[in-house]
């Protein structure tokens, strides 16, 4: 989502409220803001003594941005993928052994059953006891984040359920 907001170092900002992507250009001929034609737009000039004042004005218009979950402000451990529950727990043990703070362990793709790409359940062979894995992480105040894929294949239960309900796109995978 594009939010066209110009913030000047001399204490003002301009917010353009419209549904198009815009481009700001700073050339020797001047400063330009351009975009496709729209039926309507709103322009807000935000004056302030400094950048903090301008940002305060922006927040009065747009609302305060929520903070991410506290755990995401710490160290998040991720790699291309952990193939088994044991690999993820080995990483946890190594962080504990070295006394390195760890807040989140990310399981990337292919945690699903073999041949069911994108299925939203764990492979019972590679991840034989997900509840025990989560408990082990929680014992050390570590959260689990599971990265999921929107693409489905292999006739898994999720793909079948969505296909039957008519919720997949034309190729029956997304």
N, C-alpha and C. Protein backbone atom coordinates (compact mmCIF):
# COMPACT_ATOMS: atom_id res chain seq x y z
N UNK A 1 0.85 -1.17 0.00
CA UNK A 1 0.00 0.00 0.00
C UNK A 1 0.89 1.23 0.00
N UNK A 2 0.60 2.12 -0.87
CA UNK A 2 1.36 3.35 -0.97
C UNK A 2 0.69 4.44 -0.15
N UNK A 3 1.49 5.16 0.63
CA UNK A 3 0.97 6.30 1.39
C UNK A 3 1.82 7.51 0.99
N UNK A 4 1.34 8.32 0.05
CA UNK A 4 2.12 9.47 -0.40
C UNK A 4 2.20 10.53 0.69
N UNK A 5 3.33 10.59 1.37
CA UNK A 5 3.57 11.55 2.44
C UNK A 5 4.96 12.13 2.24
N UNK A 6 5.02 13.42 2.04
CA UNK A 6 6.30 14.11 1.89
C UNK A 6 6.64 14.76 3.22
N UNK A 7 7.85 14.56 3.67
CA UNK A 7 8.30 15.14 4.92
C UNK A 7 9.50 16.01 4.63
N UNK A 8 9.36 17.31 4.88
CA UNK A 8 10.42 18.26 4.59
C UNK A 8 11.30 18.45 5.82
N UNK A 9 12.58 18.63 5.58
CA UNK A 9 13.52 18.88 6.68
C UNK A 9 13.37 20.29 7.25
N UNK A 10 12.54 21.12 6.64
CA UNK A 10 12.35 22.47 7.18
C UNK A 10 11.02 22.62 7.92
N UNK A 11 10.42 21.50 8.32
CA UNK A 11 9.31 21.56 9.26
C UNK A 11 7.91 21.54 8.69
N UNK A 12 7.68 20.85 7.59
CA UNK A 12 6.31 20.67 7.10
C UNK A 12 6.20 19.32 6.40
N UNK A 13 4.98 18.89 6.23
CA UNK A 13 4.72 17.66 5.51
C UNK A 13 3.48 17.82 4.66
N UNK A 14 3.36 17.00 3.63
CA UNK A 14 2.18 16.98 2.78
C UNK A 14 1.74 15.52 2.67
N UNK A 15 0.49 15.29 3.02
CA UNK A 15 -0.10 13.96 2.89
C UNK A 15 -1.15 14.03 1.79
N UNK A 16 -1.05 13.12 0.83
CA UNK A 16 -2.03 13.05 -0.25
C UNK A 16 -2.87 11.80 -0.01
N UNK A 17 -4.16 11.99 0.19
CA UNK A 17 -5.08 10.90 0.45
C UNK A 17 -5.77 10.54 -0.86
N UNK A 18 -5.25 9.51 -1.52
CA UNK A 18 -5.85 9.06 -2.77
C UNK A 18 -5.49 7.59 -2.96
N UNK A 19 -6.07 6.98 -3.95
CA UNK A 19 -5.91 5.54 -4.12
C UNK A 19 -4.91 5.17 -5.21
N UNK A 20 -4.01 6.06 -5.55
CA UNK A 20 -3.03 5.75 -6.59
C UNK A 20 -1.61 5.85 -6.06
N UNK A 21 -0.72 5.20 -6.76
CA UNK A 21 0.70 5.33 -6.44
C UNK A 21 1.19 6.62 -7.05
N UNK A 22 2.02 7.33 -6.30
CA UNK A 22 2.53 8.61 -6.77
C UNK A 22 4.05 8.60 -6.74
N UNK A 23 4.64 9.52 -7.47
CA UNK A 23 6.10 9.63 -7.53
C UNK A 23 6.50 11.08 -7.29
N UNK A 24 7.49 11.25 -6.41
CA UNK A 24 8.06 12.56 -6.15
C UNK A 24 9.37 12.66 -6.89
N UNK A 25 9.58 13.76 -7.61
CA UNK A 25 10.83 13.99 -8.33
C UNK A 25 11.41 15.32 -7.89
N UNK A 26 12.70 15.32 -7.65
CA UNK A 26 13.42 16.54 -7.26
C UNK A 26 14.47 16.76 -8.34
N UNK A 27 14.19 17.69 -9.24
CA UNK A 27 15.08 17.92 -10.38
C UNK A 27 15.58 19.35 -10.38
N UNK A 28 16.46 19.66 -11.31
CA UNK A 28 16.96 21.03 -11.42
C UNK A 28 15.86 22.00 -11.85
N UNK A 29 14.77 21.45 -12.42
CA UNK A 29 13.64 22.29 -12.83
C UNK A 29 12.62 22.50 -11.71
N UNK A 30 12.78 21.80 -10.61
CA UNK A 30 11.85 21.96 -9.50
C UNK A 30 11.48 20.64 -8.86
N UNK A 31 10.46 20.68 -8.02
CA UNK A 31 9.98 19.51 -7.29
C UNK A 31 8.62 19.14 -7.87
N UNK A 32 8.42 17.84 -8.13
CA UNK A 32 7.19 17.41 -8.77
C UNK A 32 6.62 16.18 -8.07
N UNK A 33 5.31 16.18 -7.92
CA UNK A 33 4.59 15.02 -7.42
C UNK A 33 3.62 14.62 -8.52
N UNK A 34 3.75 13.39 -9.01
CA UNK A 34 2.90 12.99 -10.12
C UNK A 34 2.29 11.63 -9.85
N UNK A 35 1.17 11.39 -10.53
CA UNK A 35 0.46 10.12 -10.43
C UNK A 35 -0.62 10.08 -11.49
N UNK A 36 -1.30 8.95 -11.59
CA UNK A 36 -2.39 8.81 -12.55
C UNK A 36 -3.57 9.67 -12.12
N UNK A 37 -4.48 9.92 -13.03
CA UNK A 37 -5.65 10.73 -12.73
C UNK A 37 -6.57 9.99 -11.76
N UNK A 38 -7.15 10.73 -10.84
CA UNK A 38 -8.11 10.17 -9.89
C UNK A 38 -9.34 11.06 -9.86
N UNK A 39 -10.48 10.47 -9.46
CA UNK A 39 -11.71 11.25 -9.37
C UNK A 39 -11.67 12.25 -8.22
N UNK A 40 -11.04 11.86 -7.12
CA UNK A 40 -10.93 12.80 -6.01
C UNK A 40 -9.73 12.44 -5.15
N UNK A 41 -9.22 13.43 -4.45
CA UNK A 41 -8.11 13.22 -3.53
C UNK A 41 -8.20 14.28 -2.44
N UNK A 42 -7.58 13.99 -1.34
CA UNK A 42 -7.51 14.95 -0.25
C UNK A 42 -6.05 15.31 -0.01
N UNK A 43 -5.80 16.58 0.21
CA UNK A 43 -4.43 17.05 0.45
C UNK A 43 -4.38 17.68 1.83
N UNK A 44 -3.41 17.26 2.60
CA UNK A 44 -3.25 17.79 3.96
C UNK A 44 -1.87 18.40 4.09
N UNK A 45 -1.84 19.66 4.47
CA UNK A 45 -0.57 20.34 4.73
C UNK A 45 -0.36 20.31 6.24
N UNK A 46 0.74 19.75 6.66
CA UNK A 46 1.03 19.61 8.08
C UNK A 46 2.22 20.48 8.43
N UNK A 47 1.96 21.58 9.13
CA UNK A 47 3.02 22.50 9.53
C UNK A 47 3.47 22.17 10.94
N UNK A 48 4.74 22.39 11.20
CA UNK A 48 5.29 22.16 12.52
C UNK A 48 6.62 22.86 12.66
N UNK A 49 7.07 22.99 13.87
CA UNK A 49 8.36 23.63 14.11
C UNK A 49 9.52 22.73 13.72
N UNK A 50 9.31 21.43 13.81
CA UNK A 50 10.35 20.47 13.44
C UNK A 50 9.69 19.18 12.96
N UNK A 51 10.50 18.20 12.60
CA UNK A 51 9.96 16.95 12.06
C UNK A 51 9.07 16.23 13.07
N UNK A 52 9.42 16.27 14.36
CA UNK A 52 8.59 15.63 15.37
C UNK A 52 7.18 16.20 15.37
N UNK A 53 7.06 17.52 15.23
CA UNK A 53 5.73 18.16 15.19
C UNK A 53 4.95 17.69 13.96
N UNK A 54 5.63 17.58 12.83
CA UNK A 54 4.97 17.15 11.60
C UNK A 54 4.49 15.71 11.74
N UNK A 55 5.33 14.84 12.28
CA UNK A 55 4.95 13.45 12.46
C UNK A 55 3.79 13.35 13.46
N UNK A 56 3.80 14.19 14.50
CA UNK A 56 2.66 14.22 15.43
C UNK A 56 1.37 14.57 14.69
N UNK A 57 1.44 15.55 13.78
CA UNK A 57 0.27 15.92 12.98
C UNK A 57 -0.20 14.77 12.10
N UNK A 58 0.76 14.04 11.51
CA UNK A 58 0.42 12.88 10.68
C UNK A 58 -0.29 11.83 11.52
N UNK A 59 0.21 11.60 12.73
CA UNK A 59 -0.40 10.59 13.60
C UNK A 59 -1.80 11.02 14.05
N UNK A 60 -2.02 12.34 14.19
CA UNK A 60 -3.38 12.80 14.52
C UNK A 60 -4.35 12.45 13.40
N UNK A 61 -3.88 12.52 12.17
CA UNK A 61 -4.73 12.18 11.01
C UNK A 61 -4.89 10.68 10.83
N UNK A 62 -3.82 9.94 10.96
CA UNK A 62 -3.83 8.52 10.58
C UNK A 62 -4.02 7.57 11.75
N UNK A 63 -3.81 8.04 12.96
CA UNK A 63 -3.86 7.17 14.13
C UNK A 63 -2.48 6.63 14.45
N UNK A 64 -2.31 6.20 15.66
CA UNK A 64 -1.02 5.69 16.10
C UNK A 64 -0.78 4.30 15.53
N UNK A 65 0.40 4.08 15.02
CA UNK A 65 0.76 2.75 14.51
C UNK A 65 0.97 1.82 15.69
N UNK A 66 0.37 0.63 15.63
CA UNK A 66 0.56 -0.30 16.74
C UNK A 66 1.99 -0.84 16.77
N UNK A 67 2.47 -1.11 17.96
CA UNK A 67 3.78 -1.74 18.08
C UNK A 67 3.65 -3.21 17.71
N UNK A 68 4.70 -3.79 17.16
CA UNK A 68 4.66 -5.23 16.90
C UNK A 68 4.68 -5.97 18.23
N UNK A 69 4.36 -7.25 18.22
CA UNK A 69 4.45 -8.02 19.46
C UNK A 69 5.84 -7.89 20.07
N UNK A 70 5.89 -7.85 21.38
CA UNK A 70 7.16 -7.64 22.10
C UNK A 70 8.25 -8.61 21.64
N UNK A 71 7.88 -9.87 21.42
CA UNK A 71 8.87 -10.88 21.02
C UNK A 71 9.58 -10.49 19.73
N UNK A 72 8.91 -9.79 18.82
CA UNK A 72 9.53 -9.42 17.55
C UNK A 72 10.53 -8.28 17.68
N UNK A 73 10.59 -7.66 18.85
CA UNK A 73 11.58 -6.62 19.08
C UNK A 73 12.93 -7.21 19.50
N UNK A 74 12.95 -8.52 19.78
CA UNK A 74 14.17 -9.20 20.17
C UNK A 74 14.78 -9.95 19.00
N UNK A 75 15.52 -11.00 19.30
CA UNK A 75 16.18 -11.77 18.25
C UNK A 75 15.24 -12.82 17.69
N UNK A 76 15.09 -12.83 16.37
CA UNK A 76 14.25 -13.79 15.67
C UNK A 76 15.17 -14.68 14.85
N UNK A 77 15.21 -15.97 15.19
CA UNK A 77 16.08 -16.93 14.50
C UNK A 77 15.32 -17.59 13.37
N UNK A 78 15.86 -17.44 12.16
CA UNK A 78 15.25 -18.04 10.99
C UNK A 78 16.36 -18.52 10.06
N UNK A 79 16.08 -19.55 9.33
CA UNK A 79 16.98 -20.02 8.28
C UNK A 79 16.12 -20.53 7.13
N UNK A 80 16.72 -20.99 6.08
CA UNK A 80 15.95 -21.43 4.91
C UNK A 80 14.87 -22.42 5.33
N UNK A 81 15.22 -23.38 6.18
CA UNK A 81 14.20 -24.24 6.78
C UNK A 81 14.83 -25.23 7.73
N UNK A 82 14.06 -25.63 8.71
CA UNK A 82 14.43 -26.74 9.57
C UNK A 82 13.64 -27.94 9.06
N UNK A 83 14.32 -29.00 8.73
CA UNK A 83 13.66 -30.16 8.14
C UNK A 83 12.95 -31.03 9.16
N UNK A 84 13.35 -30.92 10.43
CA UNK A 84 12.74 -31.75 11.46
C UNK A 84 12.56 -30.94 12.75
N UNK A 85 11.70 -31.44 13.58
CA UNK A 85 11.49 -30.87 14.91
C UNK A 85 12.82 -30.89 15.69
N UNK A 86 13.58 -31.96 15.56
CA UNK A 86 14.85 -32.10 16.28
C UNK A 86 15.83 -30.99 15.90
N UNK A 87 15.87 -30.60 14.62
CA UNK A 87 16.78 -29.52 14.20
C UNK A 87 16.42 -28.21 14.89
N UNK A 88 15.15 -27.90 14.94
CA UNK A 88 14.72 -26.67 15.61
C UNK A 88 15.06 -26.69 17.09
N UNK A 89 14.84 -27.84 17.74
CA UNK A 89 15.15 -27.94 19.17
C UNK A 89 16.66 -27.93 19.42
N UNK A 90 17.45 -28.45 18.48
CA UNK A 90 18.91 -28.37 18.60
C UNK A 90 19.36 -26.91 18.59
N UNK A 91 18.75 -26.12 17.75
CA UNK A 91 19.08 -24.69 17.71
C UNK A 91 18.73 -24.03 19.04
N UNK A 92 17.55 -24.34 19.55
CA UNK A 92 17.16 -23.80 20.86
C UNK A 92 18.20 -24.17 21.92
N UNK A 93 18.58 -25.44 21.99
CA UNK A 93 19.55 -25.89 22.99
C UNK A 93 20.88 -25.16 22.84
N UNK A 94 21.29 -24.92 21.62
CA UNK A 94 22.57 -24.22 21.40
C UNK A 94 22.49 -22.76 21.87
N UNK A 95 21.38 -22.11 21.62
CA UNK A 95 21.21 -20.74 22.13
C UNK A 95 21.26 -20.74 23.66
N UNK A 96 20.57 -21.70 24.28
CA UNK A 96 20.55 -21.80 25.74
C UNK A 96 21.97 -22.08 26.25
N UNK A 97 22.65 -23.03 25.62
CA UNK A 97 24.01 -23.40 26.05
C UNK A 97 24.95 -22.20 26.01
N UNK A 98 24.82 -21.39 24.98
CA UNK A 98 25.70 -20.23 24.83
C UNK A 98 25.19 -18.99 25.56
N UNK A 99 24.03 -19.12 26.20
CA UNK A 99 23.42 -18.01 26.92
C UNK A 99 23.17 -16.80 26.00
N UNK A 100 22.68 -17.11 24.80
CA UNK A 100 22.33 -16.07 23.83
C UNK A 100 20.82 -15.88 23.87
N UNK A 101 20.35 -14.66 24.09
CA UNK A 101 18.90 -14.44 24.12
C UNK A 101 18.25 -14.79 22.78
N UNK A 102 17.14 -15.48 22.86
CA UNK A 102 16.36 -15.86 21.67
C UNK A 102 14.90 -15.61 21.98
N UNK A 103 14.22 -14.89 21.11
CA UNK A 103 12.82 -14.54 21.35
C UNK A 103 11.85 -15.32 20.47
N UNK A 104 12.24 -15.58 19.23
CA UNK A 104 11.34 -16.26 18.29
C UNK A 104 12.16 -17.23 17.43
N UNK A 105 11.65 -18.43 17.26
CA UNK A 105 12.21 -19.40 16.33
C UNK A 105 11.21 -19.55 15.18
N UNK A 106 11.68 -19.35 13.96
CA UNK A 106 10.81 -19.40 12.79
C UNK A 106 10.98 -20.73 12.08
N UNK A 107 9.88 -21.43 11.87
CA UNK A 107 9.88 -22.61 11.01
C UNK A 107 9.45 -22.16 9.63
N UNK A 108 10.37 -22.22 8.70
CA UNK A 108 10.05 -21.84 7.32
C UNK A 108 9.37 -23.01 6.62
N UNK A 109 9.04 -22.84 5.41
CA UNK A 109 8.27 -23.75 4.57
C UNK A 109 8.60 -25.23 4.76
N UNK A 110 7.75 -26.04 4.22
CA UNK A 110 7.85 -27.49 4.17
C UNK A 110 7.83 -28.16 5.55
N UNK A 111 6.96 -27.66 6.40
CA UNK A 111 6.70 -28.35 7.67
C UNK A 111 5.50 -29.28 7.49
N UNK A 112 4.89 -29.24 6.32
CA UNK A 112 3.68 -30.00 6.03
C UNK A 112 4.01 -31.43 5.58
N UNK A 113 2.99 -32.28 5.51
CA UNK A 113 3.21 -33.67 5.08
C UNK A 113 3.79 -33.74 3.66
N UNK A 114 4.63 -34.72 3.44
CA UNK A 114 5.27 -34.94 2.14
C UNK A 114 4.23 -34.95 1.03
N UNK A 115 4.49 -34.18 -0.04
CA UNK A 115 3.61 -34.16 -1.20
C UNK A 115 2.37 -33.30 -1.07
N UNK A 116 2.22 -32.56 0.05
CA UNK A 116 1.04 -31.69 0.25
C UNK A 116 1.50 -30.25 0.46
N UNK A 117 2.12 -29.70 -0.56
CA UNK A 117 2.69 -28.36 -0.49
C UNK A 117 1.67 -27.36 0.04
N UNK A 118 2.04 -26.63 1.09
CA UNK A 118 1.20 -25.58 1.62
C UNK A 118 0.18 -26.03 2.65
N UNK A 119 0.06 -27.33 2.91
CA UNK A 119 -0.89 -27.82 3.90
C UNK A 119 -0.58 -27.17 5.25
N UNK A 120 -1.63 -26.75 5.97
CA UNK A 120 -1.44 -26.02 7.23
C UNK A 120 -1.44 -26.96 8.44
N UNK A 121 -0.78 -28.09 8.31
CA UNK A 121 -0.59 -28.99 9.44
C UNK A 121 0.82 -29.56 9.34
N UNK A 122 1.36 -30.00 10.49
CA UNK A 122 2.71 -30.53 10.52
C UNK A 122 2.79 -31.94 9.98
N UNK A 123 3.91 -32.22 9.32
CA UNK A 123 4.22 -33.58 8.90
C UNK A 123 4.48 -34.41 10.16
N UNK A 124 3.72 -35.48 10.34
CA UNK A 124 3.81 -36.27 11.58
C UNK A 124 5.13 -37.06 11.68
N UNK A 125 5.87 -37.19 10.59
CA UNK A 125 7.16 -37.89 10.65
C UNK A 125 8.25 -36.90 11.08
N UNK A 126 8.35 -35.77 10.39
CA UNK A 126 9.41 -34.79 10.68
C UNK A 126 9.12 -33.97 11.93
N UNK A 127 7.86 -33.72 12.20
CA UNK A 127 7.45 -32.95 13.37
C UNK A 127 6.47 -33.83 14.15
N UNK A 128 7.02 -34.83 14.83
CA UNK A 128 6.23 -35.89 15.45
C UNK A 128 5.44 -35.44 16.68
N UNK A 129 5.86 -34.36 17.35
CA UNK A 129 5.15 -33.90 18.55
C UNK A 129 5.24 -32.38 18.64
N UNK A 130 4.50 -31.66 17.79
CA UNK A 130 4.57 -30.19 17.79
C UNK A 130 4.28 -29.58 19.15
N UNK A 131 3.36 -30.17 19.92
CA UNK A 131 3.02 -29.62 21.24
C UNK A 131 4.24 -29.66 22.16
N UNK A 132 5.00 -30.75 22.11
CA UNK A 132 6.22 -30.85 22.93
C UNK A 132 7.27 -29.84 22.47
N UNK A 133 7.35 -29.62 21.15
CA UNK A 133 8.30 -28.65 20.63
C UNK A 133 7.94 -27.25 21.14
N UNK A 134 6.68 -26.89 21.06
CA UNK A 134 6.23 -25.58 21.53
C UNK A 134 6.47 -25.45 23.03
N UNK A 135 6.19 -26.50 23.79
CA UNK A 135 6.42 -26.47 25.24
C UNK A 135 7.90 -26.24 25.55
N UNK A 136 8.78 -26.92 24.82
CA UNK A 136 10.21 -26.75 25.03
C UNK A 136 10.64 -25.31 24.74
N UNK A 137 10.11 -24.75 23.69
CA UNK A 137 10.41 -23.35 23.37
C UNK A 137 9.90 -22.43 24.47
N UNK A 138 8.66 -22.64 24.88
CA UNK A 138 8.05 -21.78 25.90
C UNK A 138 8.76 -21.87 27.24
N UNK A 139 9.35 -23.02 27.55
CA UNK A 139 10.11 -23.16 28.80
C UNK A 139 11.26 -22.16 28.86
N UNK A 140 11.72 -21.72 27.69
CA UNK A 140 12.81 -20.75 27.61
C UNK A 140 12.31 -19.40 27.11
N UNK A 141 11.00 -19.18 27.22
CA UNK A 141 10.36 -17.92 26.81
C UNK A 141 10.60 -17.60 25.34
N UNK A 142 10.66 -18.63 24.52
CA UNK A 142 10.83 -18.47 23.08
C UNK A 142 9.49 -18.76 22.41
N UNK A 143 9.11 -17.89 21.47
CA UNK A 143 7.87 -18.08 20.71
C UNK A 143 8.17 -18.82 19.42
N UNK A 144 7.15 -19.50 18.90
CA UNK A 144 7.26 -20.18 17.62
C UNK A 144 6.50 -19.39 16.56
N UNK A 145 7.13 -19.17 15.42
CA UNK A 145 6.45 -18.56 14.28
C UNK A 145 6.54 -19.56 13.13
N UNK A 146 5.41 -19.86 12.52
CA UNK A 146 5.40 -20.79 11.40
C UNK A 146 5.08 -20.00 10.14
N UNK A 147 5.99 -20.06 9.19
CA UNK A 147 5.79 -19.40 7.91
C UNK A 147 4.92 -20.30 7.04
N UNK A 148 3.88 -19.73 6.47
CA UNK A 148 2.97 -20.53 5.66
C UNK A 148 3.01 -20.09 4.21
N UNK A 149 2.59 -20.97 3.32
CA UNK A 149 2.54 -20.69 1.88
C UNK A 149 1.08 -20.57 1.43
N UNK A 150 0.78 -19.62 0.55
CA UNK A 150 -0.59 -19.53 0.04
C UNK A 150 -0.87 -20.55 -1.05
N UNK A 151 0.20 -21.15 -1.60
CA UNK A 151 0.02 -22.13 -2.67
C UNK A 151 -0.19 -23.52 -2.09
N UNK A 152 -1.14 -24.25 -2.66
CA UNK A 152 -1.46 -25.59 -2.20
C UNK A 152 -1.37 -26.55 -3.38
N UNK A 153 -0.84 -27.75 -3.10
CA UNK A 153 -0.84 -28.79 -4.12
C UNK A 153 -0.80 -30.15 -3.43
N UNK A 154 -1.08 -31.20 -4.17
CA UNK A 154 -0.97 -32.55 -3.64
C UNK A 154 -2.22 -33.08 -2.99
N UNK A 155 -3.35 -32.43 -3.22
CA UNK A 155 -4.62 -32.94 -2.69
C UNK A 155 -4.65 -33.06 -1.17
N UNK A 156 -3.97 -32.13 -0.47
CA UNK A 156 -4.03 -32.14 0.99
C UNK A 156 -5.40 -31.70 1.48
N UNK A 157 -5.69 -31.93 2.75
CA UNK A 157 -7.00 -31.56 3.30
C UNK A 157 -7.36 -30.09 3.11
N UNK A 158 -6.39 -29.17 3.28
CA UNK A 158 -6.70 -27.75 3.09
C UNK A 158 -7.08 -27.45 1.64
N UNK A 159 -6.31 -28.01 0.70
CA UNK A 159 -6.61 -27.78 -0.71
C UNK A 159 -7.98 -28.36 -1.07
N UNK A 160 -8.26 -29.54 -0.59
CA UNK A 160 -9.54 -30.19 -0.88
C UNK A 160 -10.70 -29.37 -0.32
N UNK A 161 -10.56 -28.91 0.92
CA UNK A 161 -11.62 -28.12 1.56
C UNK A 161 -11.88 -26.82 0.79
N UNK A 162 -10.80 -26.12 0.41
CA UNK A 162 -10.96 -24.85 -0.30
C UNK A 162 -11.48 -25.06 -1.72
N UNK A 163 -11.01 -26.12 -2.39
CA UNK A 163 -11.49 -26.41 -3.75
C UNK A 163 -12.98 -26.73 -3.72
N UNK A 164 -13.40 -27.57 -2.78
CA UNK A 164 -14.81 -27.97 -2.66
C UNK A 164 -15.70 -26.76 -2.42
N UNK A 165 -15.22 -25.80 -1.64
CA UNK A 165 -15.99 -24.60 -1.33
C UNK A 165 -15.90 -23.55 -2.43
N UNK A 166 -15.07 -23.80 -3.46
CA UNK A 166 -14.92 -22.84 -4.56
C UNK A 166 -14.08 -21.62 -4.19
N UNK A 167 -13.16 -21.78 -3.23
CA UNK A 167 -12.35 -20.65 -2.76
C UNK A 167 -10.95 -20.59 -3.36
N UNK A 168 -10.63 -21.44 -4.32
CA UNK A 168 -9.31 -21.39 -4.95
C UNK A 168 -9.41 -20.68 -6.28
N UNK A 169 -8.32 -20.06 -6.70
CA UNK A 169 -8.28 -19.42 -8.00
C UNK A 169 -8.29 -20.47 -9.10
N UNK A 170 -8.31 -20.03 -10.33
CA UNK A 170 -8.50 -20.92 -11.48
C UNK A 170 -7.57 -22.10 -11.57
N UNK A 171 -6.33 -21.94 -11.11
CA UNK A 171 -5.40 -23.07 -11.21
C UNK A 171 -5.56 -24.05 -10.05
N UNK A 172 -6.49 -23.77 -9.14
CA UNK A 172 -6.80 -24.61 -7.98
C UNK A 172 -5.63 -24.82 -7.04
N UNK A 173 -4.69 -23.86 -7.02
CA UNK A 173 -3.57 -23.99 -6.08
C UNK A 173 -3.46 -22.79 -5.15
N UNK A 174 -4.05 -21.66 -5.52
CA UNK A 174 -3.93 -20.45 -4.69
C UNK A 174 -5.29 -20.07 -4.15
